[in-house]
Protein backbone atom coordinates (compact mmCIF):
# COMPACT_ATOMS: atom_id res chain seq x y z
CA MET A 1 -48.01 -20.06 -16.48
CA PRO A 2 -46.33 -17.74 -18.99
CA PHE A 3 -47.72 -19.47 -22.08
CA GLU A 4 -51.03 -18.88 -23.76
CA THR A 5 -52.03 -21.44 -26.34
CA THR A 6 -54.29 -20.45 -29.21
CA LEU A 7 -56.37 -23.24 -30.64
CA SER A 8 -57.93 -21.36 -33.56
CA TYR A 9 -56.66 -20.27 -36.94
CA ASN A 10 -59.00 -17.40 -37.75
CA MET A 11 -56.88 -14.43 -36.64
CA ASP A 12 -53.53 -13.17 -37.80
CA PRO A 13 -51.20 -12.88 -34.78
CA VAL A 14 -50.41 -9.20 -35.15
CA SER A 15 -53.59 -7.84 -36.66
CA VAL A 16 -55.42 -8.12 -33.34
CA ALA A 17 -53.32 -5.24 -32.08
CA VAL A 18 -53.31 -3.31 -35.32
CA GLY A 19 -56.85 -3.10 -36.63
CA PHE A 20 -58.27 -3.56 -40.08
CA VAL A 21 -56.96 -0.38 -41.69
CA ALA A 22 -53.34 -1.55 -41.51
CA VAL A 23 -53.88 -5.27 -41.42
CA VAL A 24 -53.23 -5.80 -45.11
CA ILE A 25 -49.61 -4.77 -44.58
CA VAL A 26 -49.08 -6.53 -41.27
CA HIS A 27 -50.78 -9.61 -42.64
CA LYS A 28 -48.20 -9.64 -45.42
CA VAL A 29 -45.36 -9.50 -42.91
CA TYR A 30 -46.56 -12.55 -41.05
CA ARG A 31 -47.44 -14.39 -44.23
CA ARG A 32 -43.70 -14.46 -44.87
CA TYR A 33 -44.10 -18.07 -43.80
CA THR A 34 -45.76 -18.70 -47.16
CA ARG A 35 -42.74 -17.22 -48.99
CA ILE A 36 -44.56 -14.09 -50.19
CA SER A 37 -42.37 -11.16 -51.28
CA LEU A 38 -42.38 -8.28 -48.81
CA ALA A 39 -40.04 -5.86 -50.52
CA ASP A 40 -41.91 -2.71 -49.54
CA VAL A 41 -42.25 -3.44 -45.83
CA PRO A 42 -39.58 -1.85 -43.57
CA GLY A 43 -38.35 -5.10 -42.06
CA PRO A 44 -39.38 -8.09 -44.17
CA GLU A 45 -37.68 -11.39 -44.64
CA SER A 46 -35.39 -10.69 -41.71
CA ALA A 47 -34.15 -13.31 -39.29
CA SER A 48 -37.13 -12.38 -37.10
CA PHE A 49 -39.73 -13.60 -39.59
CA ILE A 50 -38.16 -16.44 -41.57
CA MET A 51 -38.11 -20.13 -40.73
CA GLY A 52 -36.18 -23.35 -41.14
CA ASP A 53 -33.17 -23.47 -43.44
CA ASP A 54 -33.68 -19.86 -44.52
CA HIS A 55 -33.40 -18.74 -40.91
CA LYS A 56 -30.21 -20.77 -40.42
CA ARG A 57 -28.70 -19.25 -43.56
CA HIS A 58 -29.49 -15.68 -42.53
CA ARG A 59 -28.29 -16.29 -39.00
CA LYS A 60 -24.99 -17.74 -40.19
CA VAL A 61 -24.29 -14.66 -42.29
CA MET A 62 -25.29 -12.20 -39.55
CA LEU A 63 -23.56 -13.76 -36.54
CA PRO A 64 -20.01 -12.53 -37.24
CA GLY A 65 -21.12 -8.94 -36.81
CA PHE A 66 -22.68 -9.45 -33.37
CA GLY A 67 -20.18 -11.55 -31.42
CA ALA A 68 -18.86 -10.56 -27.98
CA PRO A 69 -15.58 -8.95 -29.19
CA GLU A 70 -17.35 -7.13 -32.01
CA SER A 71 -20.07 -5.76 -29.72
CA LYS A 72 -17.57 -4.59 -27.11
CA ALA A 73 -15.62 -2.77 -29.81
CA PHE A 74 -18.65 -0.55 -30.43
CA LEU A 75 -18.55 0.92 -26.91
CA PRO A 76 -16.73 4.14 -27.99
CA ILE A 77 -19.41 4.74 -30.64
CA PHE A 78 -22.20 4.35 -28.08
CA GLN A 79 -20.37 6.64 -25.67
CA GLY A 80 -19.91 9.27 -28.37
CA CYS A 81 -23.59 9.27 -29.31
CA ALA A 82 -24.66 9.41 -25.65
CA GLU A 83 -22.27 12.29 -25.02
CA SER A 84 -23.55 14.19 -28.07
CA MET A 85 -27.07 13.97 -26.65
CA SER A 86 -26.00 14.95 -23.13
CA ASN A 87 -24.07 17.95 -24.49
CA LYS A 88 -27.29 19.16 -26.16
CA TRP A 89 -29.13 18.71 -22.87
CA MET A 90 -26.40 20.56 -20.99
CA ASP A 91 -26.61 23.53 -23.38
CA MET A 92 -30.38 23.75 -23.09
CA ILE A 93 -30.26 23.49 -19.29
CA SER A 94 -27.55 26.15 -19.00
CA ASN A 95 -29.71 28.54 -21.04
CA SER A 96 -32.73 27.96 -18.82
CA LYS A 97 -33.58 30.34 -15.98
CA GLU A 98 -34.89 27.37 -14.00
CA GLU A 99 -31.53 25.55 -14.29
CA SER A 100 -33.45 22.61 -15.69
CA ALA A 101 -35.34 21.67 -18.81
CA VAL A 102 -38.22 19.37 -19.74
CA PHE A 103 -37.37 16.88 -22.47
CA ASN A 104 -39.52 14.44 -24.42
CA ILE A 105 -37.24 11.53 -23.59
CA PRO A 106 -38.16 8.97 -26.31
CA LYS A 107 -37.71 11.56 -29.07
CA TRP A 108 -34.18 12.37 -27.93
CA LEU A 109 -33.21 8.77 -27.33
CA SER A 110 -34.60 7.70 -30.69
CA ARG A 111 -32.37 10.22 -32.44
CA ALA A 112 -29.31 9.26 -30.39
CA THR A 113 -29.73 5.51 -30.83
CA PHE A 114 -30.45 6.02 -34.54
CA ASP A 115 -27.06 7.70 -34.82
CA ALA A 116 -25.51 4.84 -32.85
CA ILE A 117 -26.94 2.08 -35.05
CA GLY A 118 -25.97 3.97 -38.19
CA GLU A 119 -22.33 4.28 -37.16
CA ALA A 120 -21.91 0.92 -35.43
CA ALA A 121 -23.77 -1.17 -37.98
CA PHE A 122 -22.99 0.66 -41.23
CA ASP A 123 -20.27 3.24 -40.53
CA ILE A 124 -22.74 5.99 -41.50
CA ARG A 125 -23.03 9.30 -39.63
CA PHE A 126 -26.70 10.21 -39.71
CA GLY A 127 -26.23 13.23 -37.44
CA SER A 128 -29.77 13.03 -36.05
CA ILE A 129 -28.82 14.62 -32.73
CA ASP A 130 -27.46 17.71 -34.46
CA ASN A 131 -29.98 17.77 -37.28
CA ASN A 132 -33.41 16.19 -37.04
CA GLU A 133 -34.00 16.47 -40.79
CA ASN A 134 -32.58 13.08 -41.76
CA GLU A 135 -35.15 11.62 -44.15
CA LEU A 136 -35.06 8.07 -42.84
CA GLY A 137 -34.99 9.24 -39.23
CA ARG A 138 -38.11 11.33 -39.81
CA ALA A 139 -39.79 8.41 -41.61
CA TYR A 140 -39.11 6.11 -38.67
CA GLY A 141 -40.13 8.71 -36.08
CA SER A 142 -43.44 7.83 -34.38
CA MET A 143 -44.00 5.09 -36.96
CA MET A 144 -45.09 2.47 -34.46
CA THR A 145 -47.71 4.63 -32.78
CA THR A 146 -48.94 5.98 -36.11
CA LEU A 147 -49.42 2.50 -37.55
CA PHE A 148 -50.30 0.31 -34.63
CA ALA A 149 -51.53 2.33 -31.64
CA ALA A 150 -55.09 2.66 -30.37
CA PRO A 151 -57.11 0.63 -32.90
CA SER A 152 -60.83 1.29 -32.78
CA VAL A 153 -63.36 -1.37 -31.84
CA GLY A 154 -64.41 -1.55 -35.48
CA GLN A 155 -60.84 -2.06 -36.65
CA ILE A 156 -60.29 -4.85 -34.16
CA PHE A 157 -63.55 -6.48 -35.24
CA PHE A 158 -62.85 -6.29 -38.96
CA GLN A 159 -59.38 -7.75 -38.61
CA GLY A 160 -61.07 -11.07 -37.93
CA LEU A 161 -62.30 -11.05 -41.52
CA THR A 162 -58.80 -11.13 -42.99
CA THR A 163 -58.70 -14.91 -43.03
CA TYR A 164 -61.61 -14.89 -45.48
CA ILE A 165 -60.15 -12.26 -47.81
CA PRO A 166 -58.15 -13.71 -50.72
CA LEU A 167 -54.45 -13.05 -50.41
CA ARG A 168 -54.27 -11.33 -53.79
CA ILE A 169 -56.78 -8.76 -52.60
CA LEU A 170 -54.78 -8.14 -49.44
CA GLU A 171 -51.64 -7.70 -51.51
CA TYR A 172 -53.41 -5.30 -53.85
CA PHE A 173 -54.58 -3.07 -51.02
CA GLY A 174 -51.15 -3.28 -49.39
CA ASN A 175 -49.51 -2.06 -52.58
CA ASN A 176 -52.18 0.43 -53.69
CA GLY A 177 -54.34 1.33 -50.70
CA ASN A 178 -54.58 5.02 -49.78
CA ASN A 179 -55.37 4.62 -46.09
CA PRO A 180 -52.93 6.91 -44.19
CA ARG A 181 -51.49 4.03 -42.16
CA ILE A 182 -50.89 1.87 -45.21
CA VAL A 183 -49.40 4.78 -47.16
CA ARG A 184 -47.10 5.62 -44.23
CA MET A 185 -45.71 2.09 -44.01
CA ARG A 186 -45.31 1.78 -47.78
CA GLU A 187 -43.50 5.11 -48.07
CA THR A 188 -41.23 4.27 -45.13
CA GLY A 189 -40.32 0.98 -46.80
CA ILE A 190 -39.41 2.79 -50.03
CA ILE A 191 -37.22 5.30 -48.20
CA ALA A 192 -35.51 2.57 -46.15
CA THR A 193 -34.80 0.51 -49.27
CA SER A 194 -33.34 3.53 -51.04
CA VAL A 195 -31.05 4.25 -48.10
CA ALA A 196 -30.03 0.58 -47.90
CA LYS A 197 -29.12 0.47 -51.58
CA GLN A 198 -27.04 3.63 -51.30
CA MET A 199 -25.21 2.27 -48.27
CA VAL A 200 -24.43 -0.95 -50.13
CA GLU A 201 -22.94 0.98 -53.03
CA ASP A 202 -20.93 3.23 -50.72
CA LYS A 203 -19.65 0.25 -48.77
CA ALA A 204 -18.71 -1.55 -51.97
CA GLU A 205 -16.59 1.41 -53.03
CA MET A 206 -14.89 1.58 -49.63
CA LEU A 207 -14.12 -2.12 -49.60
CA LEU A 208 -12.66 -1.95 -53.08
CA GLN A 209 -10.34 0.77 -51.84
CA GLY A 210 -9.39 -1.28 -48.79
CA LYS A 211 -11.09 1.16 -46.42
CA GLY A 212 -13.54 -1.22 -44.72
CA SER A 213 -14.02 -0.53 -41.02
CA ARG A 214 -15.20 -2.69 -38.12
CA ASP A 215 -18.90 -1.89 -38.43
CA VAL A 216 -21.40 -4.78 -38.50
CA PHE A 217 -21.90 -4.48 -42.25
CA SER A 218 -18.18 -4.90 -42.96
CA LEU A 219 -18.06 -7.91 -40.66
CA LEU A 220 -20.80 -9.90 -42.43
CA GLY A 221 -18.39 -12.44 -43.75
CA GLY A 222 -16.03 -12.04 -46.71
CA PHE A 223 -17.56 -9.26 -48.80
CA THR A 224 -16.46 -8.98 -52.42
CA THR A 225 -17.77 -6.66 -55.12
CA SER A 226 -18.42 -6.95 -58.82
CA PHE A 227 -19.69 -4.38 -61.25
CA GLN A 228 -22.33 -4.54 -63.94
CA SER A 229 -21.41 -3.26 -67.36
CA SER A 230 -24.78 -1.73 -68.12
CA LYS A 231 -25.21 1.97 -67.62
CA SER A 232 -22.40 2.50 -65.05
CA ASP A 233 -24.53 1.28 -62.14
CA LYS A 234 -22.55 -0.61 -59.53
CA SER A 235 -23.89 -4.01 -58.57
CA ILE A 236 -24.72 -4.76 -54.96
CA VAL A 237 -22.31 -6.11 -52.37
CA LYS A 238 -22.80 -9.84 -51.93
CA ALA A 239 -22.82 -11.25 -48.45
CA ASN A 240 -20.70 -14.18 -47.36
CA MET A 241 -19.14 -14.82 -50.76
CA ASP A 242 -16.72 -17.31 -49.26
CA ALA A 243 -19.64 -19.68 -48.64
CA ASP A 244 -21.33 -21.83 -51.25
CA ALA A 245 -23.98 -20.31 -53.47
CA LYS A 246 -26.90 -21.65 -51.44
CA ALA A 247 -25.66 -19.87 -48.32
CA LYS A 248 -25.48 -16.39 -49.84
CA LEU A 249 -27.99 -13.66 -49.18
CA THR A 250 -29.81 -12.35 -52.23
CA ASP A 251 -29.82 -8.62 -52.91
CA GLU A 252 -33.33 -8.26 -51.49
CA GLU A 253 -32.45 -10.33 -48.42
CA LEU A 254 -29.45 -8.10 -47.78
CA PHE A 255 -31.62 -4.97 -48.07
CA SER A 256 -34.18 -6.56 -45.76
CA GLN A 257 -31.58 -7.27 -43.11
CA MET A 258 -30.32 -3.71 -43.36
CA ARG A 259 -33.83 -2.27 -42.98
CA THR A 260 -34.46 -4.49 -39.98
CA ILE A 261 -31.17 -3.57 -38.29
CA LEU A 262 -31.75 0.14 -38.88
CA PHE A 263 -35.24 0.12 -37.41
CA ALA A 264 -35.21 -2.57 -34.74
CA GLY A 265 -31.63 -1.74 -33.77
CA HIS A 266 -32.59 1.69 -32.48
CA GLU A 267 -36.32 1.55 -31.75
CA THR A 268 -36.13 -1.20 -29.11
CA THR A 269 -33.13 0.32 -27.33
CA ALA A 270 -34.60 3.83 -27.37
CA ASN A 271 -37.86 2.64 -25.80
CA THR A 272 -36.09 0.46 -23.24
CA LEU A 273 -33.94 3.42 -22.17
CA SER A 274 -37.03 5.62 -22.05
CA TRP A 275 -38.70 3.26 -19.61
CA ALA A 276 -35.46 3.06 -17.62
CA LEU A 277 -35.38 6.83 -17.19
CA PHE A 278 -39.07 6.83 -16.26
CA GLU A 279 -38.64 4.21 -13.54
CA LEU A 280 -35.60 5.97 -12.08
CA ALA A 281 -37.27 9.39 -12.23
CA LYS A 282 -39.85 7.91 -9.86
CA ARG A 283 -37.08 6.68 -7.54
CA PRO A 284 -34.54 9.38 -6.64
CA GLU A 285 -32.85 7.07 -4.14
CA ILE A 286 -31.93 4.59 -6.90
CA GLN A 287 -30.67 7.45 -9.05
CA SER A 288 -28.43 8.66 -6.23
CA ARG A 289 -26.93 5.24 -5.57
CA LEU A 290 -26.39 4.65 -9.27
CA ARG A 291 -24.75 8.06 -9.71
CA ALA A 292 -22.44 7.46 -6.75
CA GLU A 293 -21.14 4.23 -8.30
CA ILE A 294 -20.72 5.87 -11.71
CA ARG A 295 -18.76 8.79 -10.26
CA GLU A 296 -16.63 6.56 -8.07
CA THR A 297 -15.64 4.55 -11.14
CA GLU A 298 -15.14 7.77 -13.10
CA ALA A 299 -12.61 8.93 -10.49
CA THR A 300 -10.70 5.67 -10.93
CA VAL A 301 -10.72 6.10 -14.70
CA LEU A 302 -9.38 9.66 -14.47
CA ALA A 303 -6.78 8.67 -11.88
CA ARG A 304 -5.20 6.19 -14.26
CA GLY A 305 -5.05 8.81 -17.01
CA ASP A 306 -8.03 7.73 -19.12
CA THR A 307 -11.05 9.78 -20.10
CA GLU A 308 -13.61 7.10 -21.00
CA PHE A 309 -15.02 4.02 -19.29
CA THR A 310 -13.82 0.72 -20.71
CA MET A 311 -15.89 -2.48 -20.84
CA ALA A 312 -13.91 -3.71 -17.85
CA ASP A 313 -14.98 -0.60 -15.93
CA LEU A 314 -18.64 -1.09 -16.83
CA ASP A 315 -18.56 -4.78 -15.95
CA ALA A 316 -17.02 -3.91 -12.57
CA MET A 317 -20.00 -1.74 -11.57
CA PRO A 318 -22.38 -4.16 -9.80
CA TYR A 319 -25.19 -1.73 -9.03
CA THR A 320 -25.25 -0.30 -12.54
CA THR A 321 -25.38 -3.84 -13.90
CA ALA A 322 -28.22 -4.65 -11.48
CA VAL A 323 -30.19 -1.61 -12.66
CA VAL A 324 -29.71 -2.58 -16.32
CA LYS A 325 -30.90 -6.12 -15.63
CA GLU A 326 -33.89 -4.88 -13.66
CA VAL A 327 -34.91 -2.53 -16.47
CA LEU A 328 -34.73 -5.39 -18.97
CA ARG A 329 -36.78 -7.58 -16.62
CA PHE A 330 -39.39 -5.03 -15.62
CA CYS A 331 -39.79 -3.17 -18.91
CA PRO A 332 -39.49 -5.59 -21.84
CA VAL A 333 -40.45 -3.51 -24.88
CA ILE A 334 -41.09 -6.70 -26.86
CA TYR A 335 -43.78 -8.06 -24.58
CA GLU A 336 -44.76 -11.31 -26.32
CA VAL A 337 -43.51 -13.65 -29.01
CA HIS A 338 -45.44 -15.83 -31.44
CA ARG A 339 -44.40 -19.30 -32.49
CA TYR A 340 -46.00 -21.96 -34.66
CA ALA A 341 -45.63 -25.68 -34.02
CA SER A 342 -43.79 -27.32 -36.92
CA GLN A 343 -44.96 -30.76 -35.82
CA ASP A 344 -47.30 -32.44 -33.34
CA ASP A 345 -45.96 -32.18 -29.83
CA VAL A 346 -46.86 -32.23 -26.15
CA LEU A 347 -46.22 -29.21 -23.92
CA PRO A 348 -45.49 -30.14 -20.28
CA LEU A 349 -46.76 -27.60 -17.76
CA SER A 350 -44.56 -26.33 -14.94
CA GLN A 351 -47.74 -26.04 -12.87
CA PRO A 352 -50.87 -28.16 -13.39
CA ILE A 353 -54.15 -26.61 -14.48
CA THR A 354 -57.47 -27.65 -12.96
CA ALA A 355 -60.23 -27.68 -15.57
CA ARG A 356 -63.85 -26.75 -14.81
CA SER A 357 -64.65 -30.43 -14.77
CA GLY A 358 -62.17 -30.87 -11.94
CA LYS A 359 -59.67 -32.75 -14.09
CA VAL A 360 -56.04 -31.83 -13.36
CA ILE A 361 -54.06 -31.22 -16.55
CA HIS A 362 -50.28 -31.67 -16.51
CA GLN A 363 -49.60 -31.30 -20.22
CA LEU A 364 -51.19 -29.88 -23.34
CA PRO A 365 -51.33 -31.50 -26.78
CA ILE A 366 -49.90 -29.18 -29.44
CA PRO A 367 -51.05 -30.04 -32.96
CA LYS A 368 -48.91 -29.06 -35.92
CA GLY A 369 -49.60 -25.52 -37.13
CA ILE A 370 -51.00 -24.17 -33.86
CA ARG A 371 -49.93 -20.70 -32.77
CA ILE A 372 -48.40 -20.30 -29.30
CA VAL A 373 -48.17 -16.85 -27.73
CA ALA A 374 -45.41 -16.73 -25.12
CA SER A 375 -45.71 -13.76 -22.80
CA ILE A 376 -42.28 -12.26 -22.19
CA ALA A 377 -43.74 -9.80 -19.70
CA ALA A 378 -45.42 -12.59 -17.69
CA TYR A 379 -42.24 -14.68 -17.52
CA ASN A 380 -40.21 -11.67 -16.42
CA ARG A 381 -42.61 -11.05 -13.56
CA ASN A 382 -43.09 -14.65 -12.46
CA LYS A 383 -42.87 -14.71 -8.65
CA ASP A 384 -41.45 -18.23 -8.67
CA LEU A 385 -38.44 -16.86 -10.54
CA TRP A 386 -38.00 -13.33 -9.24
CA GLY A 387 -39.47 -13.34 -5.76
CA GLU A 388 -42.69 -12.12 -4.16
CA ASP A 389 -41.97 -8.55 -5.23
CA ALA A 390 -41.68 -9.49 -8.91
CA HIS A 391 -44.16 -6.73 -9.80
CA VAL A 392 -41.94 -4.10 -8.15
CA PHE A 393 -38.95 -2.38 -9.76
CA ASN A 394 -36.15 -3.44 -7.43
CA PRO A 395 -32.52 -3.73 -8.64
CA GLU A 396 -31.57 -5.12 -5.25
CA ARG A 397 -32.87 -8.57 -6.28
CA TRP A 398 -29.77 -8.94 -8.49
CA LEU A 399 -27.46 -8.25 -5.54
CA ASN A 400 -29.12 -10.05 -2.63
CA GLY A 401 -29.33 -13.42 -4.36
CA VAL A 402 -33.09 -13.50 -4.96
CA ALA A 403 -32.72 -13.60 -8.74
CA SER A 404 -29.97 -16.23 -8.71
CA ASP A 405 -31.34 -18.43 -5.91
CA LYS A 406 -34.54 -19.34 -7.71
CA LYS A 407 -34.22 -22.82 -9.15
CA SER A 408 -35.45 -23.02 -12.71
CA THR A 409 -34.38 -23.99 -16.18
CA SER A 410 -32.45 -21.14 -17.76
CA VAL A 411 -34.41 -19.68 -20.66
CA GLY A 412 -32.81 -16.48 -21.91
CA VAL A 413 -29.38 -15.62 -23.26
CA TYR A 414 -28.90 -12.89 -20.63
CA ALA A 415 -29.55 -13.14 -16.89
CA ASN A 416 -32.22 -15.84 -17.36
CA LEU A 417 -34.50 -13.12 -18.73
CA MET A 418 -36.84 -13.78 -21.63
CA THR A 419 -36.35 -10.23 -22.91
CA PHE A 420 -33.95 -11.35 -25.65
CA LEU A 421 -35.63 -14.75 -26.03
CA GLY A 422 -33.47 -17.87 -26.19
CA GLY A 423 -32.33 -20.77 -28.31
CA VAL A 424 -31.66 -20.53 -32.04
CA ARG A 425 -34.08 -17.61 -32.41
CA ALA A 426 -32.64 -15.49 -29.61
CA CYS A 427 -32.05 -11.82 -30.37
CA ILE A 428 -28.83 -11.74 -32.38
CA GLY A 429 -27.96 -8.26 -31.12
CA TRP A 430 -28.47 -8.76 -27.40
CA ARG A 431 -24.84 -7.99 -26.48
CA PHE A 432 -24.98 -4.92 -28.69
CA ALA A 433 -28.11 -3.71 -26.86
CA VAL A 434 -26.81 -4.35 -23.33
CA ILE A 435 -23.55 -2.49 -23.97
CA GLU A 436 -25.42 0.41 -25.55
CA MET A 437 -27.67 0.62 -22.49
CA GLN A 438 -24.64 0.63 -20.19
CA ALA A 439 -23.05 3.47 -22.16
CA PHE A 440 -26.18 5.65 -22.22
CA MET A 441 -27.15 5.11 -18.60
CA THR A 442 -23.62 5.82 -17.40
CA GLU A 443 -23.54 9.07 -19.37
CA ILE A 444 -27.03 10.22 -18.37
CA PHE A 445 -27.04 9.40 -14.67
CA GLY A 446 -23.43 10.39 -14.20
CA LYS A 447 -24.35 13.95 -15.16
CA PHE A 448 -28.06 14.54 -14.63
CA GLU A 449 -30.93 14.23 -12.17
CA LEU A 450 -34.33 13.29 -13.57
CA ALA A 451 -37.72 14.11 -12.09
CA LEU A 452 -41.35 13.57 -13.03
CA THR A 453 -43.54 16.29 -14.49
CA ASP A 454 -47.31 16.76 -14.39
CA LYS A 455 -47.52 15.21 -17.84
CA SER A 456 -45.40 12.21 -16.95
CA GLU A 457 -47.98 11.34 -14.32
CA ARG A 458 -50.30 10.48 -17.22
CA VAL A 459 -47.90 8.18 -19.04
CA ARG A 460 -49.43 4.97 -20.35
CA ARG A 461 -47.89 1.93 -21.99
CA GLU A 462 -49.00 1.74 -25.62
CA ALA A 463 -48.72 -1.76 -27.09
CA CYS A 464 -47.88 -1.22 -30.75
CA LEU A 465 -45.62 -4.19 -31.54
CA VAL A 466 -43.18 -2.58 -29.10
CA MET A 467 -44.19 -1.04 -25.78
CA VAL A 468 -44.07 2.73 -26.28
CA PRO A 469 -44.61 5.49 -23.69
CA THR A 470 -47.50 7.77 -24.60
CA VAL A 471 -49.65 10.27 -22.70
CA GLU A 472 -53.23 9.42 -21.84
CA GLY A 473 -55.52 11.16 -24.32
CA GLU A 474 -52.63 12.21 -26.58
CA VAL A 475 -51.71 9.01 -28.40
CA GLU A 476 -52.01 10.84 -31.71
CA HIS A 477 -48.95 12.90 -30.73
CA GLY A 478 -46.77 9.80 -30.75
CA PRO A 479 -44.22 8.72 -28.12
CA GLN A 480 -44.23 11.06 -25.13
CA LEU A 481 -42.43 10.90 -21.81
CA MET A 482 -41.83 14.38 -20.45
CA LEU A 483 -39.20 14.44 -17.70
CA ARG A 484 -37.49 17.38 -16.03
CA VAL A 485 -33.72 17.13 -16.28
CA SER A 486 -31.19 19.12 -14.24
CA VAL A 487 -27.44 18.89 -13.76
CA ALA A 488 -26.60 16.66 -10.80
CA PRO A 489 -24.45 18.56 -8.30
CA ARG A 490 -21.05 17.22 -7.36
CA THR A 491 -19.67 16.93 -3.86
CA GLU A 492 -16.17 18.04 -2.92
CA LYS A 493 -14.93 14.46 -3.16
CA GLU A 494 -16.35 14.13 -6.68
């Protein structure tokens, strides 16, 4: 059963994984449910953490930027960022005597997807691929492993005390503590807010001049701009001004959404792609089949006089689609989700549980306020849904009918996977993410062959809010996945 119920209230849902030294910040994030201000945290008050009417209001404002037509329109941006990265790889490989090069995959993909989210969401060219000195990019780099990876036994133990520490004390340490993890998160929040404010002002100026583009930010529903008379400072762009006053986002809410999009919009995709490259580096035969389909489609594209794949081309590539789906199933970087019951309820079980007493339980009472931890990873590897080889990376399941033949209630918004969740709290950017994955994987595997290195044999999955690749014994060095990359040869037909 993919659900774990928690019948106690003495532990914050994230602090278990974080440890005491950073718990004062993480505690504040999750205490958003009590309407506490979280202005200095990188992604507070976003649609991921708010509830009820507030969540509906945020979601209504954000949805126009992430619809199907809007997401498909970003394909050229994704392709451009993927090509910029592959050009860098090509240059480094061509200058190597070995005709190959070893790359730290998550570092490169983080920079490329950061550029992609900047341009697609905010029409900003960060240039991280060409220049790794972008202040926000450096602040976000390795943030998850620095803050949340490898907590000590003492840190895990002391986190249990947080329930008994007055909230004002937690807030004080969050705002003033000098622990390196707390300082890192606080400083990152300050940098992200500064960047968000500057982007709002720049976008306001562009919109006033009638130069708004089709980025997500410009699509967030009827922007207008006003100016304050004091000091010459421009006021902030207001979201969804065509709605009534109660539906608008406040300035801080707008900044919070921007911080969340900037961070989550590239970190999750970069790590998912990293795991994709890792799994395929272990399976040359899947790489070869994938590359053959990509190059066959590429020949069709060139024959009709085009130079780039269209969405129709990508959607007409069944094996590539199967590989993308299998990566999302097998390697969900968000591995669990926490929910709280808003009212008393009863949870029916898909399979009965036999208690120690011998009693067979078919349903569980869920009292109001209880925390439920739903395991995304467990659902995505449920044999009843995905077949007896659910714990094996096998794209063929999406082509031979195994994935579609299993009878079950559809849960997710994409391919019955729980990776993007489902219902009213499903990932708002799931189309955005899938198309970005298609663009990057087509570019990478159409040009390169990937192989394991000695170091990649020691890769471990580090659970730090997202699942990050690290090297055993070197967690302090941040995300690491060292793969050898070479140019894939072409046959005469190709």
